All heavy atoms as atom14 arrays in JSON, in Angstrom:
{
  "sequence": "FWQLQGSPVLTDADGFTDLVQPDNARIYYYASTQHGGAGG",
  "atom14_mask": [
    [1, 1, 1, 1, 1, 1, 1, 1, 1, 1, 1, 0, 0, 0],
    [1, 1, 1, 1, 1, 1, 1, 1, 1, 1, 1, 1, 1, 1],
    [1, 1, 1, 1, 1, 1, 1, 1, 1, 0, 0, 0, 0, 0],
    [1, 1, 1, 1, 1, 1, 1, 1, 0, 0, 0, 0, 0, 0],
    [1, 1, 1, 1, 1, 1, 1, 1, 1, 0, 0, 0, 0, 0],
    [1, 1, 1, 1, 0, 0, 0, 0, 0, 0, 0, 0, 0, 0],
    [1, 1, 1, 1, 1, 1, 0, 0, 0, 0, 0, 0, 0, 0],
    [1, 1, 1, 1, 1, 1, 1, 0, 0, 0, 0, 0, 0, 0],
    [1, 1, 1, 1, 1, 1, 1, 0, 0, 0, 0, 0, 0, 0],
    [1, 1, 1, 1, 1, 1, 1, 1, 0, 0, 0, 0, 0, 0],
    [1, 1, 1, 1, 1, 1, 1, 0, 0, 0, 0, 0, 0, 0],
    [1, 1, 1, 1, 1, 1, 1, 1, 0, 0, 0, 0, 0, 0],
    [1, 1, 1, 1, 1, 0, 0, 0, 0, 0, 0, 0, 0, 0],
    [1, 1, 1, 1, 1, 1, 1, 1, 0, 0, 0, 0, 0, 0],
    [1, 1, 1, 1, 0, 0, 0, 0, 0, 0, 0, 0, 0, 0],
    [1, 1, 1, 1, 1, 1, 1, 1, 1, 1, 1, 0, 0, 0],
    [1, 1, 1, 1, 1, 1, 1, 0, 0, 0, 0, 0, 0, 0],
    [1, 1, 1, 1, 1, 1, 1, 1, 0, 0, 0, 0, 0, 0],
    [1, 1, 1, 1, 1, 1, 1, 1, 0, 0, 0, 0, 0, 0],
    [1, 1, 1, 1, 1, 1, 1, 0, 0, 0, 0, 0, 0, 0],
    [1, 1, 1, 1, 1, 1, 1, 1, 1, 0, 0, 0, 0, 0],
    [1, 1, 1, 1, 1, 1, 1, 0, 0, 0, 0, 0, 0, 0],
    [1, 1, 1, 1, 1, 1, 1, 1, 0, 0, 0, 0, 0, 0],
    [1, 1, 1, 1, 1, 1, 1, 1, 0, 0, 0, 0, 0, 0],
    [1, 1, 1, 1, 1, 0, 0, 0, 0, 0, 0, 0, 0, 0],
    [1, 1, 1, 1, 1, 1, 1, 1, 1, 1, 1, 0, 0, 0],
    [1, 1, 1, 1, 1, 1, 1, 1, 0, 0, 0, 0, 0, 0],
    [1, 1, 1, 1, 1, 1, 1, 1, 1, 1, 1, 1, 0, 0],
    [1, 1, 1, 1, 1, 1, 1, 1, 1, 1, 1, 1, 0, 0],
    [1, 1, 1, 1, 1, 1, 1, 1, 1, 1, 1, 1, 0, 0],
    [1, 1, 1, 1, 1, 0, 0, 0, 0, 0, 0, 0, 0, 0],
    [1, 1, 1, 1, 1, 1, 0, 0, 0, 0, 0, 0, 0, 0],
    [1, 1, 1, 1, 1, 1, 1, 0, 0, 0, 0, 0, 0, 0],
    [1, 1, 1, 1, 1, 1, 1, 1, 1, 0, 0, 0, 0, 0],
    [1, 1, 1, 1, 1, 1, 1, 1, 1, 1, 0, 0, 0, 0],
    [1, 1, 1, 1, 0, 0, 0, 0, 0, 0, 0, 0, 0, 0],
    [1, 1, 1, 1, 0, 0, 0, 0, 0, 0, 0, 0, 0, 0],
    [1, 1, 1, 1, 1, 0, 0, 0, 0, 0, 0, 0, 0, 0],
    [1, 1, 1, 1, 0, 0, 0, 0, 0, 0, 0, 0, 0, 0],
    [1, 1, 1, 1, 0, 0, 0, 0, 0, 0, 0, 0, 0, 0]
  ],
  "atom14_positions": [
    [[-0.41, 4.38, 4.54], [0.32, 5.31, 3.68], [0.75, 6.55, 4.44], [1.87, 7.03, 4.28], [-0.55, 5.69, 2.48], [-0.74, 4.59, 1.48], [-1.79, 3.69, 1.62], [0.14, 4.42, 0.44], [-1.96, 2.66, 0.71], [-0.01, 3.4, -0.48], [-1.08, 2.51, -0.34], [0.0, 0.0, 0.0], [0.0, 0.0, 0.0], [0.0, 0.0, 0.0]],
    [[-0.12, 7.09, 5.29], [0.15, 8.36, 5.95], [1.0, 8.21, 7.2], [1.84, 9.05, 7.49], [-1.16, 9.05, 6.31], [-1.89, 9.55, 5.11], [-2.87, 8.91, 4.41], [-1.68, 10.79, 4.44], [-3.27, 9.67, 3.34], [-2.56, 10.83, 3.34], [-0.82, 11.87, 4.67], [-2.61, 11.92, 2.47], [-0.87, 12.95, 3.8], [-1.76, 12.96, 2.72]],
    [[0.79, 7.14, 7.93], [1.44, 7.04, 9.25], [2.43, 5.88, 9.35], [3.38, 5.96, 10.11], [0.36, 6.88, 10.33], [0.9, 6.99, 11.75], [-0.21, 7.12, 12.77], [-1.29, 7.57, 12.46], [0.06, 6.71, 13.98], [0.0, 0.0, 0.0], [0.0, 0.0, 0.0], [0.0, 0.0, 0.0], [0.0, 0.0, 0.0], [0.0, 0.0, 0.0]],
    [[2.23, 4.81, 8.58], [3.02, 3.6, 8.75], [3.86, 3.26, 7.53], [4.25, 2.12, 7.34], [2.1, 2.43, 9.13], [1.35, 2.66, 10.45], [0.33, 1.55, 10.69], [2.31, 2.74, 11.63], [0.0, 0.0, 0.0], [0.0, 0.0, 0.0], [0.0, 0.0, 0.0], [0.0, 0.0, 0.0], [0.0, 0.0, 0.0], [0.0, 0.0, 0.0]],
    [[4.1, 4.26, 6.68], [5.1, 4.15, 5.61], [4.81, 3.0, 4.65], [5.65, 2.16, 4.37], [6.5, 3.99, 6.21], [6.82, 5.03, 7.28], [7.72, 4.5, 8.38], [7.63, 3.33, 8.74], [8.57, 5.34, 8.91], [0.0, 0.0, 0.0], [0.0, 0.0, 0.0], [0.0, 0.0, 0.0], [0.0, 0.0, 0.0], [0.0, 0.0, 0.0]],
    [[3.59, 2.99, 4.12], [3.15, 1.87, 3.31], [3.61, 1.87, 1.87], [3.72, 0.82, 1.25], [0.0, 0.0, 0.0], [0.0, 0.0, 0.0], [0.0, 0.0, 0.0], [0.0, 0.0, 0.0], [0.0, 0.0, 0.0], [0.0, 0.0, 0.0], [0.0, 0.0, 0.0], [0.0, 0.0, 0.0], [0.0, 0.0, 0.0], [0.0, 0.0, 0.0]],
    [[3.88, 3.04, 1.3], [4.12, 3.08, -0.15], [5.38, 2.38, -0.62], [5.43, 1.94, -1.78], [4.11, 4.53, -0.64], [5.21, 5.27, -0.13], [0.0, 0.0, 0.0], [0.0, 0.0, 0.0], [0.0, 0.0, 0.0], [0.0, 0.0, 0.0], [0.0, 0.0, 0.0], [0.0, 0.0, 0.0], [0.0, 0.0, 0.0], [0.0, 0.0, 0.0]],
    [[6.46, 2.24, 0.18], [7.65, 1.56, -0.35], [7.44, 0.11, -0.79], [8.29, -0.43, -1.49], [8.65, 1.65, 0.82], [8.28, 2.93, 1.5], [6.78, 2.94, 1.45], [0.0, 0.0, 0.0], [0.0, 0.0, 0.0], [0.0, 0.0, 0.0], [0.0, 0.0, 0.0], [0.0, 0.0, 0.0], [0.0, 0.0, 0.0], [0.0, 0.0, 0.0]],
    [[6.35, -0.52, -0.39], [6.07, -1.87, -0.92], [5.6, -1.8, -2.37], [5.61, -2.79, -3.09], [5.02, -2.59, -0.05], [3.62, -2.02, -0.26], [5.0, -4.09, -0.35], [0.0, 0.0, 0.0], [0.0, 0.0, 0.0], [0.0, 0.0, 0.0], [0.0, 0.0, 0.0], [0.0, 0.0, 0.0], [0.0, 0.0, 0.0], [0.0, 0.0, 0.0]],
    [[5.23, -0.58, -2.83], [4.69, -0.41, -4.17], [5.65, 0.25, -5.13], [5.49, 0.12, -6.35], [3.4, 0.43, -4.11], [2.26, -0.11, -3.24], [1.11, 0.89, -3.22], [1.8, -1.47, -3.75], [0.0, 0.0, 0.0], [0.0, 0.0, 0.0], [0.0, 0.0, 0.0], [0.0, 0.0, 0.0], [0.0, 0.0, 0.0], [0.0, 0.0, 0.0]],
    [[6.65, 0.98, -4.62], [7.53, 1.77, -5.5], [8.99, 1.55, -5.17], [9.34, 1.0, -4.12], [7.23, 3.27, -5.37], [7.82, 3.79, -4.16], [5.74, 3.56, -5.35], [0.0, 0.0, 0.0], [0.0, 0.0, 0.0], [0.0, 0.0, 0.0], [0.0, 0.0, 0.0], [0.0, 0.0, 0.0], [0.0, 0.0, 0.0], [0.0, 0.0, 0.0]],
    [[9.84, 2.05, -6.06], [11.27, 2.07, -5.76], [11.54, 3.1, -4.66], [10.65, 3.85, -4.26], [12.08, 2.37, -7.02], [11.88, 3.8, -7.52], [10.78, 4.36, -7.3], [12.8, 4.36, -8.12], [0.0, 0.0, 0.0], [0.0, 0.0, 0.0], [0.0, 0.0, 0.0], [0.0, 0.0, 0.0], [0.0, 0.0, 0.0], [0.0, 0.0, 0.0]],
    [[12.77, 3.12, -4.18], [13.11, 3.95, -3.02], [12.91, 5.43, -3.27], [12.64, 6.19, -2.33], [14.56, 3.69, -2.6], [0.0, 0.0, 0.0], [0.0, 0.0, 0.0], [0.0, 0.0, 0.0], [0.0, 0.0, 0.0], [0.0, 0.0, 0.0], [0.0, 0.0, 0.0], [0.0, 0.0, 0.0], [0.0, 0.0, 0.0], [0.0, 0.0, 0.0]],
    [[13.01, 5.87, -4.52], [12.86, 7.29, -4.85], [11.45, 7.67, -5.27], [11.19, 8.85, -5.53], [13.85, 7.66, -5.95], [15.29, 7.51, -5.51], [15.61, 7.99, -4.4], [16.09, 6.9, -6.24], [0.0, 0.0, 0.0], [0.0, 0.0, 0.0], [0.0, 0.0, 0.0], [0.0, 0.0, 0.0], [0.0, 0.0, 0.0], [0.0, 0.0, 0.0]],
    [[10.55, 6.7, -5.35], [9.19, 7.01, -5.72], [9.01, 7.36, -7.19], [8.11, 8.11, -7.54], [0.0, 0.0, 0.0], [0.0, 0.0, 0.0], [0.0, 0.0, 0.0], [0.0, 0.0, 0.0], [0.0, 0.0, 0.0], [0.0, 0.0, 0.0], [0.0, 0.0, 0.0], [0.0, 0.0, 0.0], [0.0, 0.0, 0.0], [0.0, 0.0, 0.0]],
    [[9.84, 6.8, -8.05], [9.76, 7.08, -9.49], [9.1, 5.97, -10.28], [8.53, 6.2, -11.34], [11.16, 7.32, -10.06], [11.84, 8.56, -9.55], [13.22, 8.61, -9.44], [11.1, 9.68, -9.16], [13.86, 9.74, -8.96], [11.73, 10.82, -8.68], [13.11, 10.85, -8.57], [0.0, 0.0, 0.0], [0.0, 0.0, 0.0], [0.0, 0.0, 0.0]],
    [[9.18, 4.72, -9.77], [8.76, 3.56, -10.54], [7.92, 2.63, -9.69], [8.25, 2.37, -8.52], [9.99, 2.79, -11.06], [10.85, 3.69, -11.78], [9.58, 1.64, -11.97], [0.0, 0.0, 0.0], [0.0, 0.0, 0.0], [0.0, 0.0, 0.0], [0.0, 0.0, 0.0], [0.0, 0.0, 0.0], [0.0, 0.0, 0.0], [0.0, 0.0, 0.0]],
    [[6.86, 2.09, -10.29], [6.05, 1.07, -9.63], [6.82, -0.26, -9.62], [7.45, -0.63, -10.62], [4.73, 0.86, -10.36], [3.85, 2.1, -10.36], [3.63, 2.66, -9.28], [3.39, 2.5, -11.45], [0.0, 0.0, 0.0], [0.0, 0.0, 0.0], [0.0, 0.0, 0.0], [0.0, 0.0, 0.0], [0.0, 0.0, 0.0], [0.0, 0.0, 0.0]],
    [[6.77, -0.97, -8.51], [7.4, -2.29, -8.42], [6.48, -3.36, -9.0], [5.25, -3.29, -8.87], [7.72, -2.63, -6.96], [8.73, -1.75, -6.24], [8.94, -2.26, -4.81], [10.06, -1.7, -6.98], [0.0, 0.0, 0.0], [0.0, 0.0, 0.0], [0.0, 0.0, 0.0], [0.0, 0.0, 0.0], [0.0, 0.0, 0.0], [0.0, 0.0, 0.0]],
    [[7.08, -4.36, -9.62], [6.34, -5.53, -10.09], [6.27, -6.52, -8.94], [7.3, -6.86, -8.34], [7.04, -6.16, -11.31], [6.31, -7.42, -11.74], [7.1, -5.16, -12.47], [0.0, 0.0, 0.0], [0.0, 0.0, 0.0], [0.0, 0.0, 0.0], [0.0, 0.0, 0.0], [0.0, 0.0, 0.0], [0.0, 0.0, 0.0], [0.0, 0.0, 0.0]],
    [[5.07, -6.99, -8.63], [4.88, -7.88, -7.48], [5.01, -9.34, -7.9], [4.74, -9.7, -9.05], [3.51, -7.63, -6.85], [3.28, -6.19, -6.42], [4.31, -5.68, -5.42], [4.89, -6.46, -4.66], [4.54, -4.36, -5.41], [0.0, 0.0, 0.0], [0.0, 0.0, 0.0], [0.0, 0.0, 0.0], [0.0, 0.0, 0.0], [0.0, 0.0, 0.0]],
    [[5.42, -10.22, -6.98], [5.53, -11.64, -7.3], [4.19, -12.25, -7.72], [3.12, -11.77, -7.3], [6.03, -12.26, -5.99], [6.62, -11.13, -5.22], [5.84, -9.91, -5.6], [0.0, 0.0, 0.0], [0.0, 0.0, 0.0], [0.0, 0.0, 0.0], [0.0, 0.0, 0.0], [0.0, 0.0, 0.0], [0.0, 0.0, 0.0], [0.0, 0.0, 0.0]],
    [[4.25, -13.32, -8.5], [3.03, -13.96, -8.99], [2.2, -14.56, -7.86], [0.98, -14.7, -7.99], [3.38, -15.06, -9.99], [3.95, -14.51, -11.29], [3.73, -13.31, -11.58], [4.62, -15.27, -12.01], [0.0, 0.0, 0.0], [0.0, 0.0, 0.0], [0.0, 0.0, 0.0], [0.0, 0.0, 0.0], [0.0, 0.0, 0.0], [0.0, 0.0, 0.0]],
    [[2.85, -14.94, -6.76], [2.13, -15.56, -5.65], [1.59, -14.54, -4.66], [1.13, -14.92, -3.58], [3.03, -16.55, -4.91], [4.18, -15.85, -4.19], [4.9, -15.06, -4.78], [4.34, -16.14, -2.9], [0.0, 0.0, 0.0], [0.0, 0.0, 0.0], [0.0, 0.0, 0.0], [0.0, 0.0, 0.0], [0.0, 0.0, 0.0], [0.0, 0.0, 0.0]],
    [[1.61, -13.26, -5.02], [1.2, -12.21, -4.08], [0.15, -11.3, -4.7], [0.13, -11.06, -5.91], [2.41, -11.38, -3.65], [0.0, 0.0, 0.0], [0.0, 0.0, 0.0], [0.0, 0.0, 0.0], [0.0, 0.0, 0.0], [0.0, 0.0, 0.0], [0.0, 0.0, 0.0], [0.0, 0.0, 0.0], [0.0, 0.0, 0.0], [0.0, 0.0, 0.0]],
    [[-0.71, -10.79, -3.83], [-1.66, -9.75, -4.18], [-1.6, -8.68, -3.09], [-1.45, -8.99, -1.9], [-3.1, -10.27, -4.27], [-3.33, -11.36, -5.31], [-3.27, -10.82, -6.72], [-3.68, -11.83, -7.69], [-2.87, -12.75, -8.21], [-1.59, -12.8, -7.84], [-3.33, -13.63, -9.08], [0.0, 0.0, 0.0], [0.0, 0.0, 0.0], [0.0, 0.0, 0.0]],
    [[-1.74, -7.42, -3.5], [-1.78, -6.31, -2.55], [-3.1, -5.57, -2.78], [-3.44, -5.23, -3.92], [-0.6, -5.35, -2.73], [0.72, -6.11, -2.6], [-0.65, -4.24, -1.68], [1.96, -5.26, -2.81], [0.0, 0.0, 0.0], [0.0, 0.0, 0.0], [0.0, 0.0, 0.0], [0.0, 0.0, 0.0], [0.0, 0.0, 0.0], [0.0, 0.0, 0.0]],
    [[-3.82, -5.33, -1.7], [-5.12, -4.67, -1.78], [-5.13, -3.43, -0.88], [-4.84, -3.52, 0.32], [-6.23, -5.62, -1.35], [-6.34, -6.86, -2.21], [-5.94, -8.11, -1.71], [-6.81, -6.8, -3.52], [-6.03, -9.25, -2.49], [-6.9, -7.94, -4.31], [-6.51, -9.16, -3.79], [-6.6, -10.3, -4.57], [0.0, 0.0, 0.0], [0.0, 0.0, 0.0]],
    [[-5.45, -2.31, -1.49], [-5.6, -1.05, -0.76], [-7.08, -0.81, -0.52], [-7.88, -0.76, -1.45], [-4.98, 0.09, -1.57], [-5.46, 1.48, -1.22], [-5.43, 1.96, 0.09], [-5.92, 2.34, -2.22], [-5.86, 3.23, 0.39], [-6.35, 3.61, -1.93], [-6.34, 4.06, -0.62], [-6.77, 5.34, -0.33], [0.0, 0.0, 0.0], [0.0, 0.0, 0.0]],
    [[-7.46, -0.67, 0.75], [-8.84, -0.39, 1.14], [-9.04, 1.12, 1.11], [-8.65, 1.83, 2.05], [-9.13, -0.93, 2.54], [-8.58, -2.32, 2.83], [-7.77, -2.54, 3.96], [-8.84, -3.41, 2.0], [-7.27, -3.8, 4.26], [-8.34, -4.67, 2.29], [-7.55, -4.86, 3.43], [-7.05, -6.11, 3.72], [0.0, 0.0, 0.0], [0.0, 0.0, 0.0]],
    [[-9.63, 1.61, 0.06], [-9.65, 3.05, -0.23], [-10.32, 3.85, 0.88], [-11.39, 3.49, 1.38], [-10.36, 3.3, -1.55], [0.0, 0.0, 0.0], [0.0, 0.0, 0.0], [0.0, 0.0, 0.0], [0.0, 0.0, 0.0], [0.0, 0.0, 0.0], [0.0, 0.0, 0.0], [0.0, 0.0, 0.0], [0.0, 0.0, 0.0], [0.0, 0.0, 0.0]],
    [[-9.68, 4.96, 1.24], [-10.23, 5.97, 2.15], [-10.6, 5.41, 3.51], [-11.57, 5.85, 4.14], [-11.45, 6.66, 1.52], [-11.07, 7.41, 0.39], [0.0, 0.0, 0.0], [0.0, 0.0, 0.0], [0.0, 0.0, 0.0], [0.0, 0.0, 0.0], [0.0, 0.0, 0.0], [0.0, 0.0, 0.0], [0.0, 0.0, 0.0], [0.0, 0.0, 0.0]],
    [[-9.83, 4.45, 4.0], [-10.1, 3.87, 5.31], [-8.99, 4.22, 6.29], [-7.87, 4.54, 5.91], [-10.19, 2.33, 5.23], [-8.97, 1.81, 4.71], [-11.35, 1.9, 4.36], [0.0, 0.0, 0.0], [0.0, 0.0, 0.0], [0.0, 0.0, 0.0], [0.0, 0.0, 0.0], [0.0, 0.0, 0.0], [0.0, 0.0, 0.0], [0.0, 0.0, 0.0]],
    [[-9.33, 4.13, 7.58], [-8.33, 4.22, 8.63], [-7.91, 2.82, 9.04], [-8.36, 1.83, 8.45], [-8.88, 4.99, 9.82], [-10.05, 4.3, 10.51], [-10.59, 5.08, 11.69], [-10.3, 6.25, 11.89], [-11.43, 4.44, 12.5], [0.0, 0.0, 0.0], [0.0, 0.0, 0.0], [0.0, 0.0, 0.0], [0.0, 0.0, 0.0], [0.0, 0.0, 0.0]],
    [[-7.07, 2.7, 10.05], [-6.41, 1.45, 10.42], [-7.37, 0.38, 10.93], [-7.04, -0.81, 10.94], [-5.35, 1.75, 11.48], [-4.37, 0.66, 11.71], [-3.48, 0.22, 10.75], [-4.12, -0.11, 12.81], [-2.72, -0.74, 11.24], [-3.09, -0.96, 12.49], [0.0, 0.0, 0.0], [0.0, 0.0, 0.0], [0.0, 0.0, 0.0], [0.0, 0.0, 0.0]],
    [[-8.52, 0.76, 11.39], [-9.5, -0.19, 11.9], [-10.76, 0.53, 12.33], [-10.84, 1.75, 12.29], [0.0, 0.0, 0.0], [0.0, 0.0, 0.0], [0.0, 0.0, 0.0], [0.0, 0.0, 0.0], [0.0, 0.0, 0.0], [0.0, 0.0, 0.0], [0.0, 0.0, 0.0], [0.0, 0.0, 0.0], [0.0, 0.0, 0.0], [0.0, 0.0, 0.0]],
    [[-11.75, -0.23, 12.74], [-12.99, 0.38, 13.21], [-14.21, -0.16, 12.48], [-14.1, -0.78, 11.42], [0.0, 0.0, 0.0], [0.0, 0.0, 0.0], [0.0, 0.0, 0.0], [0.0, 0.0, 0.0], [0.0, 0.0, 0.0], [0.0, 0.0, 0.0], [0.0, 0.0, 0.0], [0.0, 0.0, 0.0], [0.0, 0.0, 0.0], [0.0, 0.0, 0.0]],
    [[-15.37, 0.11, 13.07], [-16.62, -0.44, 12.54], [-17.14, 0.3, 11.33], [-17.93, -0.24, 10.55], [-17.68, -0.42, 13.65], [0.0, 0.0, 0.0], [0.0, 0.0, 0.0], [0.0, 0.0, 0.0], [0.0, 0.0, 0.0], [0.0, 0.0, 0.0], [0.0, 0.0, 0.0], [0.0, 0.0, 0.0], [0.0, 0.0, 0.0], [0.0, 0.0, 0.0]],
    [[-16.72, 1.55, 11.14], [-17.27, 2.35, 10.07], [-18.68, 2.82, 10.39], [-19.23, 2.56, 11.47], [0.0, 0.0, 0.0], [0.0, 0.0, 0.0], [0.0, 0.0, 0.0], [0.0, 0.0, 0.0], [0.0, 0.0, 0.0], [0.0, 0.0, 0.0], [0.0, 0.0, 0.0], [0.0, 0.0, 0.0], [0.0, 0.0, 0.0], [0.0, 0.0, 0.0]],
    [[-19.29, 3.56, 9.45], [-20.64, 4.09, 9.68], [-20.59, 5.39, 10.45], [-19.64, 5.67, 11.19], [0.0, 0.0, 0.0], [0.0, 0.0, 0.0], [0.0, 0.0, 0.0], [0.0, 0.0, 0.0], [0.0, 0.0, 0.0], [0.0, 0.0, 0.0], [0.0, 0.0, 0.0], [0.0, 0.0, 0.0], [0.0, 0.0, 0.0], [0.0, 0.0, 0.0]]
  ]
}
């Protein structure tokens, strides 16, 4: 979201409306995480 422009997969171009996703797709946001790493 912060560095790699992730939100346009979820909203319209102006950021006013949530997009409806296809039935064969799921999108999962891993809350409060960075791009990779072991954590801890």
